[in-house]
C-alpha atoms as a PDB file:
ATOM      1  CA  UNK A   1      15.302  -1.852  -1.790  1.00  0.00           C
ATOM      2  CA  UNK A   2      13.293  -4.825  -2.781  1.00  0.00           C
ATOM      3  CA  UNK A   3      11.499  -4.528  -6.123  1.00  0.00           C
ATOM      4  CA  UNK A   4       8.097  -5.191  -4.476  1.00  0.00           C
ATOM      5  CA  UNK A   5       6.378  -4.682  -1.196  1.00  0.00           C
ATOM      6  CA  UNK A   6       3.141  -5.638   0.561  1.00  0.00           C
ATOM      7  CA  UNK A   7       2.080  -3.354   3.377  1.00  0.00           C
ATOM      8  CA  UNK A   8      -0.763  -4.604   5.516  1.00  0.00           C
ATOM      9  CA  UNK A   9      -2.359  -1.384   6.811  1.00  0.00           C
ATOM     10  CA  UNK A  10      -5.147  -3.254   8.342  1.00  0.00           C
ATOM     11  CA  UNK A  11      -3.192  -4.440  11.214  1.00  0.00           C
ATOM     12  CA  UNK A  12      -1.197  -1.102  11.949  1.00  0.00           C
ATOM     13  CA  UNK A  13      -1.915   0.509  15.409  1.00  0.00           C
ATOM     14  CA  UNK A  14      -2.335   4.169  14.561  1.00  0.00           C
ATOM     15  CA  UNK A  15      -0.275   6.660  16.475  1.00  0.00           C
ATOM     16  CA  UNK A  16      -1.981   9.402  18.212  1.00  0.00           C
ATOM     17  CA  UNK A  17      -0.487  12.461  16.473  1.00  0.00           C
ATOM     18  CA  UNK A  18      -0.927  13.696  12.926  1.00  0.00           C
ATOM     19  CA  UNK A  19       2.787  14.440  12.720  1.00  0.00           C
ATOM     20  CA  UNK A  20       3.830  10.854  13.543  1.00  0.00           C
ATOM     21  CA  UNK A  21       1.256   9.500  10.956  1.00  0.00           C
ATOM     22  CA  UNK A  22       2.715  11.834   8.357  1.00  0.00           C
ATOM     23  CA  UNK A  23       6.231  10.752   8.985  1.00  0.00           C
ATOM     24  CA  UNK A  24       5.216   7.093   8.529  1.00  0.00           C
ATOM     25  CA  UNK A  25       3.390   8.050   5.448  1.00  0.00           C
ATOM     26  CA  UNK A  26       6.273   9.988   3.929  1.00  0.00           C
ATOM     27  CA  UNK A  27       8.438   7.010   4.630  1.00  0.00           C
ATOM     28  CA  UNK A  28       6.097   4.686   2.774  1.00  0.00           C
ATOM     29  CA  UNK A  29       5.970   7.149  -0.111  1.00  0.00           C
ATOM     30  CA  UNK A  30       9.890   7.575  -0.325  1.00  0.00           C
ATOM     31  CA  UNK A  31      10.100   3.814  -0.207  1.00  0.00           C
ATOM     32  CA  UNK A  32       7.599   3.421  -2.947  1.00  0.00           C
ATOM     33  CA  UNK A  33       9.383   5.847  -5.261  1.00  0.00           C
ATOM     34  CA  UNK A  34      12.393   3.254  -5.251  1.00  0.00           C
ATOM     35  CA  UNK A  35      10.277   0.182  -5.932  1.00  0.00           C
ATOM     36  CA  UNK A  36       8.615  -1.475  -8.971  1.00  0.00           C
ATOM     37  CA  UNK A  37       5.428  -2.206  -7.158  1.00  0.00           C
ATOM     38  CA  UNK A  38       3.799  -1.695  -3.701  1.00  0.00           C
ATOM     39  CA  UNK A  39       0.530  -3.131  -2.562  1.00  0.00           C
ATOM     40  CA  UNK A  40      -1.197  -1.440   0.423  1.00  0.00           C
ATOM     41  CA  UNK A  41      -3.892  -3.823   1.852  1.00  0.00           C
ATOM     42  CA  UNK A  42      -6.595  -1.547   3.017  1.00  0.00           C
ATOM     43  CA  UNK A  43      -9.924  -1.720   4.932  1.00  0.00           C
ATOM     44  CA  UNK A  44     -12.440   0.902   6.093  1.00  0.00           C
ATOM     45  CA  UNK A  45     -10.416   1.091   9.228  1.00  0.00           C
ATOM     46  CA  UNK A  46      -7.105   2.057   7.369  1.00  0.00           C
ATOM     47  CA  UNK A  47      -5.701   5.461   8.213  1.00  0.00           C
ATOM     48  CA  UNK A  48      -7.384   8.158   6.244  1.00  0.00           C
ATOM     49  CA  UNK A  49      -3.803   9.823   6.233  1.00  0.00           C
ATOM     50  CA  UNK A  50      -2.140   6.940   4.523  1.00  0.00           C
ATOM     51  CA  UNK A  51      -4.906   6.578   1.802  1.00  0.00           C
ATOM     52  CA  UNK A  52      -4.951  10.346   1.164  1.00  0.00           C
ATOM     53  CA  UNK A  53      -1.226  11.051   0.900  1.00  0.00           C
ATOM     54  CA  UNK A  54      -0.523   7.868  -1.270  1.00  0.00           C
ATOM     55  CA  UNK A  55      -3.438   8.770  -3.643  1.00  0.00           C
ATOM     56  CA  UNK A  56      -2.362  12.453  -3.796  1.00  0.00           C
ATOM     57  CA  UNK A  57       1.315  11.388  -4.414  1.00  0.00           C
ATOM     58  CA  UNK A  58       0.165  10.096  -7.743  1.00  0.00           C
ATOM     59  CA  UNK A  59       2.470   7.082  -7.624  1.00  0.00           C
ATOM     60  CA  UNK A  60       1.419   4.791 -10.369  1.00  0.00           C
ATOM     61  CA  UNK A  61       3.293   1.795  -8.757  1.00  0.00           C
ATOM     62  CA  UNK A  62       1.078   1.850  -5.667  1.00  0.00           C
ATOM     63  CA  UNK A  63      -1.994  -0.345  -5.517  1.00  0.00           C
ATOM     64  CA  UNK A  64      -4.759  -0.293  -2.807  1.00  0.00           C
ATOM     65  CA  UNK A  65      -5.803  -3.893  -2.327  1.00  0.00           C
ATOM     66  CA  UNK A  66      -8.649  -5.300  -0.339  1.00  0.00           C
ATOM     67  CA  UNK A  67      -7.780  -7.740   2.452  1.00  0.00           C
ATOM     68  CA  UNK A  68      -9.582 -10.707   0.612  1.00  0.00           C
ATOM     69  CA  UNK A  69      -7.073 -10.251  -2.289  1.00  0.00           C
ATOM     70  CA  UNK A  70      -3.881 -10.226  -0.070  1.00  0.00           C
ATOM     71  CA  UNK A  71      -2.977 -14.001  -1.027  1.00  0.00           C
ATOM     72  CA  UNK A  72      -3.496 -13.192  -4.733  1.00  0.00           C
ATOM     73  CA  UNK A  73      -0.992 -10.375  -4.426  1.00  0.00           C
ATOM     74  CA  UNK A  74       1.508 -12.257  -2.611  1.00  0.00           C
ATOM     75  CA  UNK A  75       1.248 -14.996  -5.330  1.00  0.00           C
ATOM     76  CA  UNK A  76       1.517 -12.527  -8.096  1.00  0.00           C
ATOM     77  CA  UNK A  77       4.620 -11.017  -6.700  1.00  0.00           C
ATOM     78  CA  UNK A  78       6.149 -14.505  -6.141  1.00  0.00           C
ATOM     79  CA  UNK A  79       5.324 -15.540  -9.696  1.00  0.00           C
ATOM     80  CA  UNK A  80       6.573 -12.344 -11.254  1.00  0.00           C
ATOM     81  CA  UNK A  81       3.172 -11.331 -12.541  1.00  0.00           C
ATOM     82  CA  UNK A  82       1.587  -7.823 -12.458  1.00  0.00           C
ATOM     83  CA  UNK A  83      -0.422  -7.307  -9.423  1.00  0.00           C
ATOM     84  CA  UNK A  84      -2.800  -4.952 -11.258  1.00  0.00           C
ATOM     85  CA  UNK A  85      -4.104  -7.866 -13.517  1.00  0.00           C
ATOM     86  CA  UNK A  86      -4.650 -10.042 -10.535  1.00  0.00           C
ATOM     87  CA  UNK A  87      -6.745  -8.095  -7.987  1.00  0.00           C
ATOM     88  CA  UNK A  88      -9.699  -5.790  -8.032  1.00  0.00           C
ATOM     89  CA  UNK A  89      -7.981  -2.396  -6.795  1.00  0.00           C
ATOM     90  CA  UNK A  90      -9.718  -0.965  -3.813  1.00  0.00           C
ATOM     91  CA  UNK A  91     -10.811   2.572  -3.915  1.00  0.00           C
ATOM     92  CA  UNK A  92      -8.944   4.549  -1.040  1.00  0.00           C
END
């Protein structure tokens, strides 16, 4: 597993079933458990399921990031900086 990841949830095509959404979110959660930091780029269109599960999971290494901050997040990861210090975290 890589140490960090950026997941752009704004460009995801949602599946039609809740079960499929839960499987995708469970995979994301399991992956996040093995990483140092994960940034989820979110918008008002981002799946409620993704936002809710990741918030309830209580993972301190997962950051919700607004689309406008995506480049800053990428640069922070590339430079080895802490993402939390670079962007304003979006409220899920």
